[in-house]
Amino acid sequence: MEFEDQDKYLDVALEIALRRIVVYDSLFVALALEEGLPLLTLDVGQRRVASSLGVKVL
């Protein structure tokens, strides 16, 4: 398992959070977006935002 520093994704996450999700959730979307990874979530809002940004949601 590899840990990522959230500061690396904070600017993107704050921009994503303006789409009406909390910053905590947007950090996971930003990580998936920036690293080209799928996002596993049951959160409807997070799923909606991630999908709208082209992130594959599982």
Protein backbone atom coordinates (compact mmCIF):
# COMPACT_ATOMS: atom_id res chain seq x y z
CA MET A 1 0.00 0.00 0.00
CA GLU A 2 1.26 3.43 -0.87
CA PHE A 3 0.20 6.60 0.91
CA GLU A 4 -0.28 9.88 -0.95
CA ASP A 5 0.20 13.35 0.52
CA GLN A 6 -3.15 15.14 0.29
CA ASP A 7 -1.37 18.45 -0.32
CA LYS A 8 -0.47 17.15 -3.78
CA TYR A 9 -4.18 17.04 -4.68
CA LEU A 10 -5.60 19.89 -2.57
CA ASP A 11 -5.84 22.53 -5.32
CA VAL A 12 -7.71 20.17 -7.62
CA ALA A 13 -9.85 18.92 -4.73
CA LEU A 14 -10.91 22.44 -3.78
CA GLU A 15 -11.91 23.12 -7.38
CA ILE A 16 -13.89 19.88 -7.45
CA ALA A 17 -15.55 20.69 -4.11
CA LEU A 18 -17.17 23.71 -5.76
CA ARG A 19 -19.37 21.16 -7.56
CA ARG A 20 -21.29 20.67 -4.30
CA ILE A 21 -19.39 17.90 -2.54
CA VAL A 22 -17.29 18.18 0.59
CA VAL A 23 -13.52 18.59 0.31
CA TYR A 24 -12.92 15.22 1.98
CA ASP A 25 -14.86 13.46 -0.80
CA SER A 26 -13.33 15.63 -3.49
CA LEU A 27 -9.81 14.57 -2.43
CA PHE A 28 -10.61 11.00 -3.47
CA VAL A 29 -12.03 12.22 -6.77
CA ALA A 30 -8.92 14.36 -7.35
CA LEU A 31 -6.63 11.40 -6.63
CA ALA A 32 -8.52 9.19 -9.08
CA LEU A 33 -8.58 11.94 -11.69
CA GLU A 34 -4.91 12.88 -11.43
CA GLU A 35 -3.63 9.29 -11.25
CA GLY A 36 -6.01 7.84 -13.85
CA LEU A 37 -7.52 5.41 -11.36
CA PRO A 38 -11.11 4.23 -10.96
CA LEU A 39 -13.07 5.37 -7.91
CA LEU A 40 -15.00 2.92 -5.75
CA THR A 41 -17.81 4.72 -3.92
CA LEU A 42 -21.43 4.37 -2.88
CA ASP A 43 -21.78 8.12 -2.33
CA VAL A 44 -24.24 9.44 -4.91
CA GLY A 45 -22.83 12.98 -5.01
CA GLN A 46 -19.24 11.81 -5.24
CA ARG A 47 -20.22 9.35 -7.97
CA ARG A 48 -22.01 12.09 -9.95
CA VAL A 49 -19.09 14.51 -9.77
CA ALA A 50 -16.45 11.87 -10.56
CA SER A 51 -18.42 10.63 -13.56
CA SER A 52 -18.88 14.17 -14.85
CA LEU A 53 -15.10 14.60 -14.77
CA GLY A 54 -14.51 11.39 -16.72
CA VAL A 55 -13.41 9.27 -13.75
CA LYS A 56 -14.47 5.63 -14.04
CA VAL A 57 -16.68 4.85 -11.05
CA LEU A 58 -17.06 1.31 -9.75
